[in-house]
Amino acid sequence: MDYVSALVPPVVMAVFFIGVIRVIVKTQGGANKAKEDAVVDAALARAEGARQASAKTDA
């Protein structure tokens, strides 16, 4: 019976890992992809603008 208790944690972690990977793959693309891309692009533009503004005030 020791072998069962030794195998349970890796099996549970493997099942959880497979579930996480399936969720990640399923949520890629789809209807929300353009909206998510726009949010990321806006955040990057905001960060770039803040970096350039701080560079101008430092000079």
N, C-alpha and C. Protein backbone atom coordinates (compact mmCIF):
# COMPACT_ATOMS: atom_id res chain seq x y z
N MET A 1 0.81 -1.21 0.00
CA MET A 1 0.00 0.00 0.00
C MET A 1 0.85 1.27 0.00
N ASP A 2 2.11 1.16 0.36
CA ASP A 2 2.98 2.33 0.35
C ASP A 2 3.15 2.89 -1.06
N TYR A 3 3.13 2.01 -2.05
CA TYR A 3 3.31 2.48 -3.43
C TYR A 3 2.13 3.35 -3.86
N VAL A 4 0.93 3.07 -3.34
CA VAL A 4 -0.23 3.88 -3.70
C VAL A 4 -0.07 5.29 -3.13
N SER A 5 0.31 5.38 -1.87
CA SER A 5 0.49 6.70 -1.25
C SER A 5 1.67 7.44 -1.86
N ALA A 6 2.62 6.72 -2.42
CA ALA A 6 3.75 7.37 -3.09
C ALA A 6 3.37 7.88 -4.47
N LEU A 7 2.40 7.25 -5.13
CA LEU A 7 2.02 7.64 -6.48
C LEU A 7 0.91 8.68 -6.53
N VAL A 8 0.15 8.83 -5.47
CA VAL A 8 -0.99 9.74 -5.49
C VAL A 8 -0.58 11.21 -5.71
N PRO A 9 0.38 11.75 -4.98
CA PRO A 9 0.72 13.17 -5.20
C PRO A 9 1.19 13.48 -6.64
N PRO A 10 2.07 12.68 -7.25
CA PRO A 10 2.45 13.01 -8.63
C PRO A 10 1.28 12.90 -9.61
N VAL A 11 0.41 11.95 -9.40
CA VAL A 11 -0.74 11.80 -10.29
C VAL A 11 -1.67 13.00 -10.15
N VAL A 12 -1.91 13.43 -8.93
CA VAL A 12 -2.78 14.59 -8.70
C VAL A 12 -2.16 15.83 -9.34
N MET A 13 -0.86 16.02 -9.17
CA MET A 13 -0.20 17.18 -9.77
C MET A 13 -0.23 17.11 -11.29
N ALA A 14 -0.07 15.92 -11.86
CA ALA A 14 -0.12 15.78 -13.31
C ALA A 14 -1.51 16.11 -13.84
N VAL A 15 -2.55 15.67 -13.17
CA VAL A 15 -3.91 15.97 -13.59
C VAL A 15 -4.17 17.46 -13.51
N PHE A 16 -3.74 18.10 -12.43
CA PHE A 16 -3.91 19.53 -12.28
C PHE A 16 -3.16 20.29 -13.37
N PHE A 17 -1.93 19.87 -13.65
CA PHE A 17 -1.11 20.52 -14.67
C PHE A 17 -1.77 20.41 -16.04
N ILE A 18 -2.27 19.23 -16.37
CA ILE A 18 -2.95 19.03 -17.65
C ILE A 18 -4.18 19.93 -17.73
N GLY A 19 -4.91 20.04 -16.64
CA GLY A 19 -6.08 20.93 -16.61
C GLY A 19 -5.71 22.38 -16.84
N VAL A 20 -4.64 22.83 -16.23
CA VAL A 20 -4.19 24.22 -16.40
C VAL A 20 -3.79 24.47 -17.86
N ILE A 21 -3.05 23.53 -18.44
CA ILE A 21 -2.63 23.68 -19.83
C ILE A 21 -3.84 23.72 -20.75
N ARG A 22 -4.84 22.88 -20.50
CA ARG A 22 -6.04 22.88 -21.35
C ARG A 22 -6.78 24.21 -21.25
N VAL A 23 -6.86 24.78 -20.05
CA VAL A 23 -7.53 26.08 -19.89
C VAL A 23 -6.76 27.16 -20.64
N ILE A 24 -5.45 27.15 -20.54
CA ILE A 24 -4.64 28.15 -21.23
C ILE A 24 -4.83 28.04 -22.73
N VAL A 25 -4.80 26.83 -23.26
CA VAL A 25 -4.95 26.64 -24.70
C VAL A 25 -6.35 27.05 -25.16
N LYS A 26 -7.36 26.71 -24.39
CA LYS A 26 -8.73 27.04 -24.78
C LYS A 26 -9.00 28.54 -24.76
N THR A 27 -8.33 29.27 -23.88
CA THR A 27 -8.60 30.70 -23.76
C THR A 27 -7.76 31.53 -24.72
N GLN A 28 -6.89 30.91 -25.49
CA GLN A 28 -6.11 31.66 -26.48
C GLN A 28 -6.98 31.93 -27.70
N GLY A 29 -6.88 33.13 -28.21
CA GLY A 29 -7.66 33.48 -29.40
C GLY A 29 -9.12 33.69 -29.05
N GLY A 30 -9.97 33.52 -30.00
CA GLY A 30 -11.40 33.66 -29.76
C GLY A 30 -11.85 35.10 -29.85
N ALA A 31 -13.05 35.33 -29.35
CA ALA A 31 -13.70 36.63 -29.48
C ALA A 31 -12.99 37.71 -28.67
N ASN A 32 -12.39 37.35 -27.56
CA ASN A 32 -11.78 38.36 -26.69
C ASN A 32 -10.33 38.67 -27.06
N LYS A 33 -9.77 37.99 -28.04
CA LYS A 33 -8.36 38.19 -28.37
C LYS A 33 -8.07 39.64 -28.76
N ALA A 34 -8.89 40.23 -29.61
CA ALA A 34 -8.65 41.61 -30.05
C ALA A 34 -8.75 42.57 -28.87
N LYS A 35 -9.71 42.34 -27.98
CA LYS A 35 -9.87 43.21 -26.82
C LYS A 35 -8.67 43.08 -25.88
N GLU A 36 -8.21 41.86 -25.66
CA GLU A 36 -7.05 41.65 -24.79
C GLU A 36 -5.80 42.27 -25.41
N ASP A 37 -5.63 42.11 -26.72
CA ASP A 37 -4.48 42.71 -27.39
C ASP A 37 -4.51 44.24 -27.29
N ALA A 38 -5.69 44.82 -27.41
CA ALA A 38 -5.82 46.27 -27.31
C ALA A 38 -5.47 46.76 -25.91
N VAL A 39 -5.86 46.01 -24.89
CA VAL A 39 -5.53 46.39 -23.51
C VAL A 39 -4.02 46.34 -23.30
N VAL A 40 -3.38 45.30 -23.79
CA VAL A 40 -1.92 45.19 -23.65
C VAL A 40 -1.22 46.30 -24.41
N ASP A 41 -1.67 46.58 -25.64
CA ASP A 41 -1.05 47.65 -26.43
C ASP A 41 -1.21 49.00 -25.73
N ALA A 42 -2.37 49.25 -25.13
CA ALA A 42 -2.59 50.51 -24.42
C ALA A 42 -1.68 50.62 -23.20
N ALA A 43 -1.52 49.53 -22.48
CA ALA A 43 -0.65 49.54 -21.30
C ALA A 43 0.80 49.78 -21.71
N LEU A 44 1.23 49.14 -22.79
CA LEU A 44 2.60 49.35 -23.26
C LEU A 44 2.81 50.79 -23.72
N ALA A 45 1.84 51.35 -24.42
CA ALA A 45 1.95 52.74 -24.88
C ALA A 45 1.99 53.70 -23.70
N ARG A 46 1.18 53.41 -22.67
CA ARG A 46 1.18 54.26 -21.48
C ARG A 46 2.54 54.19 -20.78
N ALA A 47 3.10 52.99 -20.67
CA ALA A 47 4.41 52.84 -20.03
C ALA A 47 5.49 53.54 -20.83
N GLU A 48 5.42 53.42 -22.16
CA GLU A 48 6.41 54.08 -23.00
C GLU A 48 6.29 55.60 -22.89
N GLY A 49 5.08 56.12 -22.85
CA GLY A 49 4.87 57.55 -22.70
C GLY A 49 5.39 58.06 -21.36
N ALA A 50 5.18 57.29 -20.32
CA ALA A 50 5.68 57.69 -19.00
C ALA A 50 7.21 57.67 -18.97
N ARG A 51 7.79 56.69 -19.65
CA ARG A 51 9.26 56.61 -19.68
C ARG A 51 9.84 57.78 -20.44
N GLN A 52 9.21 58.15 -21.55
CA GLN A 52 9.71 59.28 -22.34
C GLN A 52 9.51 60.59 -21.59
N ALA A 53 8.41 60.72 -20.87
CA ALA A 53 8.15 61.94 -20.11
C ALA A 53 9.18 62.10 -18.99
N SER A 54 9.52 60.99 -18.33
CA SER A 54 10.51 61.10 -17.25
C SER A 54 11.89 61.36 -17.82
N ALA A 55 12.17 60.89 -19.03
CA ALA A 55 13.47 61.15 -19.65
C ALA A 55 13.59 62.64 -20.02
N LYS A 56 12.48 63.25 -20.43
CA LYS A 56 12.50 64.67 -20.80
C LYS A 56 12.70 65.54 -19.55
N THR A 57 12.09 65.17 -18.44
CA THR A 57 12.22 65.98 -17.23
C THR A 57 13.59 65.80 -16.59
N ASP A 58 14.23 64.65 -16.83
CA ASP A 58 15.57 64.43 -16.27
C ASP A 58 16.63 65.18 -17.06
N ALA A 59 16.41 65.43 -18.32
CA ALA A 59 17.42 66.06 -19.18
C ALA A 59 17.46 67.56 -18.99
